[in-house]
């Protein structure tokens, strides 16, 4: 009898799993994924792989972002800004005491976008995330900065620039 129940429940379980793939992951699941950890400490490697596949399927299912005339021209990392908030000298290597800036130069009109800078370690652990709401009429420079009260741990890092939650470009950098 239990084999019959399992046989009858299998299509129901498959349908429920597929229905769950259409839902966007919760904010805590996204944060956990960005941190390289599972949202559920008791999950197994196979369930983590299933969650990853579901997240990839959800990302692929999103319609393209309508940017209209808006486009990102450049993203530059550095440790100094000029009066217009542009990075003075592009760098990929920083000292342990540096403030780290990223300047995003964009152009084009748009009715409103949220631009986000997500700073992570090389293995995906979040350091900081900040955003700015833009309603550009022409070229604009958006600047994001991270500072550390203590010296930065030496290692590899990444900053990803997203529009409306969709990554557009990322840059890797190193602290020595």
Protein backbone atom coordinates (compact mmCIF):
# COMPACT_ATOMS: atom_id res chain seq x y z
CA UNK A 1 0.00 0.00 0.00
CA UNK A 2 2.85 2.42 0.77
CA UNK A 3 4.32 1.90 -2.72
CA UNK A 4 0.94 2.81 -4.20
CA UNK A 5 0.78 5.99 -2.08
CA UNK A 6 4.30 6.96 -3.15
CA UNK A 7 3.37 6.31 -6.78
CA UNK A 8 0.26 8.51 -6.47
CA UNK A 9 2.03 11.29 -4.55
CA UNK A 10 5.00 11.54 -6.96
CA UNK A 11 3.18 13.58 -9.64
CA UNK A 12 1.80 15.91 -6.95
CA UNK A 13 5.27 16.48 -5.48
CA UNK A 14 6.77 17.14 -8.93
CA UNK A 15 3.99 19.65 -9.70
CA UNK A 16 4.57 21.45 -6.41
CA UNK A 17 8.32 21.63 -7.02
CA UNK A 18 7.82 23.02 -10.51
CA UNK A 19 5.31 25.58 -9.25
CA UNK A 20 7.89 26.71 -6.70
CA UNK A 21 10.42 27.41 -9.48
CA UNK A 22 8.20 30.20 -10.81
CA UNK A 23 8.45 32.17 -7.58
CA UNK A 24 11.22 34.68 -7.00
CA UNK A 25 13.48 33.80 -4.07
CA UNK A 26 12.86 35.68 -0.85
CA UNK A 27 15.19 38.47 0.21
CA UNK A 28 16.68 36.25 2.91
CA UNK A 29 17.33 33.53 0.35
CA UNK A 30 19.03 36.03 -1.94
CA UNK A 31 21.14 37.29 0.96
CA UNK A 32 22.06 33.77 1.94
CA UNK A 33 22.95 32.93 -1.64
CA UNK A 34 25.11 36.06 -1.89
CA UNK A 35 26.82 35.09 1.33
CA UNK A 36 27.55 31.64 -0.03
CA UNK A 37 25.45 29.98 2.68
CA UNK A 38 22.17 28.14 2.67
CA UNK A 39 19.04 29.84 4.00
CA UNK A 40 18.32 26.61 5.88
CA UNK A 41 21.23 25.29 7.94
CA UNK A 42 19.81 21.77 7.78
CA UNK A 43 19.73 21.66 3.97
CA UNK A 44 21.84 19.17 2.09
CA UNK A 45 24.11 19.69 -0.90
CA UNK A 46 21.43 18.31 -3.20
CA UNK A 47 18.82 20.78 -1.93
CA UNK A 48 21.34 23.62 -2.31
CA UNK A 49 21.89 22.56 -5.92
CA UNK A 50 18.12 22.49 -6.45
CA UNK A 51 17.78 25.97 -4.92
CA UNK A 52 20.58 27.24 -7.16
CA UNK A 53 18.92 25.75 -10.24
CA UNK A 54 15.58 27.30 -9.24
CA UNK A 55 17.24 30.71 -8.76
CA UNK A 56 18.97 30.43 -12.15
CA UNK A 57 15.65 29.49 -13.78
CA UNK A 58 13.94 32.47 -12.11
CA UNK A 59 16.69 34.85 -13.26
CA UNK A 60 16.48 33.54 -16.81
CA UNK A 61 12.70 33.96 -16.80
CA UNK A 62 12.85 37.69 -15.99
CA UNK A 63 11.93 39.91 -18.93
CA UNK A 64 14.71 42.14 -20.24
CA UNK A 65 15.17 45.39 -18.35
CA UNK A 66 13.83 48.34 -20.38
CA UNK A 67 16.54 50.96 -20.06
CA UNK A 68 15.30 53.18 -22.88
CA UNK A 69 18.10 55.65 -23.70
CA UNK A 70 19.95 54.91 -20.45
CA UNK A 71 23.24 53.00 -20.58
CA UNK A 72 26.32 52.55 -18.43
CA UNK A 73 29.42 53.89 -20.15
CA UNK A 74 32.11 52.95 -17.62
CA UNK A 75 32.76 51.61 -14.15
CA UNK A 76 36.04 52.62 -12.50
CA UNK A 77 37.57 51.67 -9.14
CA UNK A 78 39.99 53.93 -7.26
CA UNK A 79 40.98 55.35 -3.90
CA UNK A 80 40.48 59.07 -4.67
CA UNK A 81 37.63 61.13 -6.15
CA UNK A 82 37.77 64.49 -7.92
CA UNK A 83 35.29 67.35 -7.39
CA UNK A 84 32.79 65.76 -9.81
CA UNK A 85 32.94 62.43 -7.91
CA UNK A 86 34.91 60.67 -10.65
CA UNK A 87 37.69 58.30 -9.69
CA UNK A 88 40.99 60.18 -10.19
CA UNK A 89 43.17 57.17 -11.08
CA UNK A 90 41.81 53.74 -11.94
CA UNK A 91 43.13 50.98 -9.68
CA UNK A 92 42.64 47.27 -9.16
CA UNK A 93 44.98 46.97 -6.15
CA UNK A 94 44.41 48.82 -2.87
CA UNK A 95 46.20 49.13 0.44
CA UNK A 96 44.66 47.80 3.64
CA UNK A 97 43.87 51.37 4.78
CA UNK A 98 42.28 52.71 1.57
CA UNK A 99 38.74 53.89 1.14
CA UNK A 100 37.58 52.19 -2.06
CA UNK A 101 35.38 54.08 -4.52
CA UNK A 102 33.60 52.99 -7.66
CA UNK A 103 32.39 55.60 -10.15
CA UNK A 104 29.69 54.61 -12.60
CA UNK A 105 29.39 56.93 -15.59
CA UNK A 106 26.08 56.62 -17.41
CA UNK A 107 24.19 58.53 -20.04
CA UNK A 108 20.66 58.82 -21.33
CA UNK A 109 17.26 59.72 -19.97
CA UNK A 110 15.19 57.42 -17.81
CA UNK A 111 12.09 57.85 -15.63
CA UNK A 112 13.82 56.24 -12.68
CA UNK A 113 16.19 53.41 -11.85
CA UNK A 114 17.69 51.98 -8.69
CA UNK A 115 21.43 51.43 -9.06
CA UNK A 116 23.08 49.17 -6.50
CA UNK A 117 26.71 48.46 -5.66
CA UNK A 118 27.21 45.12 -3.92
CA UNK A 119 30.68 44.61 -2.43
CA UNK A 120 31.72 41.03 -1.68
CA UNK A 121 34.77 38.94 -0.92
CA UNK A 122 36.03 36.66 -3.68
CA UNK A 123 34.03 33.75 -2.24
CA UNK A 124 30.78 35.76 -2.30
CA UNK A 125 30.48 36.86 1.35
CA UNK A 126 28.82 40.30 1.44
CA UNK A 127 30.73 43.30 2.76
CA UNK A 128 28.34 46.14 1.94
CA UNK A 129 25.48 47.03 -0.36
CA UNK A 130 24.25 50.52 -1.12
CA UNK A 131 21.91 51.92 -3.70
CA UNK A 132 20.96 55.18 -5.33
CA UNK A 133 17.78 56.14 -7.13
CA UNK A 134 18.50 57.82 -10.44
CA UNK A 135 16.24 59.90 -12.65
CA UNK A 136 18.83 60.92 -15.24
CA UNK A 137 18.25 63.54 -17.89
CA UNK A 138 21.75 63.27 -19.39
CA UNK A 139 25.18 61.97 -18.41
CA UNK A 140 25.56 61.31 -14.68
CA UNK A 141 28.24 59.97 -12.35
CA UNK A 142 27.12 57.70 -9.52
CA UNK A 143 29.72 57.01 -6.85
CA UNK A 144 29.74 54.29 -4.20
CA UNK A 145 32.30 54.02 -1.41
CA UNK A 146 33.34 51.43 1.16
CA UNK A 147 35.59 52.20 4.11
CA UNK A 148 36.80 49.98 6.90
CA UNK A 149 37.54 51.26 10.41
CA UNK A 150 40.14 48.50 10.77
CA UNK A 151 42.61 47.62 8.03
CA UNK A 152 41.04 45.61 5.20
CA UNK A 153 41.93 41.94 5.27
CA UNK A 154 44.30 41.20 2.39
CA UNK A 155 42.63 39.28 -0.39
CA UNK A 156 40.45 39.36 -3.47
CA UNK A 157 37.16 41.27 -3.63
CA UNK A 158 34.43 42.16 -6.11
CA UNK A 159 31.97 44.98 -6.67
CA UNK A 160 28.87 44.31 -8.78
CA UNK A 161 26.76 47.12 -10.21
CA UNK A 162 23.08 46.30 -10.68
CA UNK A 163 20.10 48.14 -12.09
CA UNK A 164 16.73 47.21 -10.60
CA UNK A 165 18.31 44.15 -8.99
CA UNK A 166 19.88 42.83 -12.20
CA UNK A 167 23.66 42.76 -12.36
CA UNK A 168 25.04 44.82 -15.23
CA UNK A 169 28.80 44.69 -14.69
CA UNK A 170 31.28 43.70 -12.02
CA UNK A 171 34.93 44.41 -11.25
CA UNK A 172 37.39 42.31 -9.29
CA UNK A 173 40.02 43.98 -7.13
CA UNK A 174 42.64 43.12 -4.57
CA UNK A 175 43.68 44.46 -1.18
CA UNK A 176 47.35 43.99 -0.25
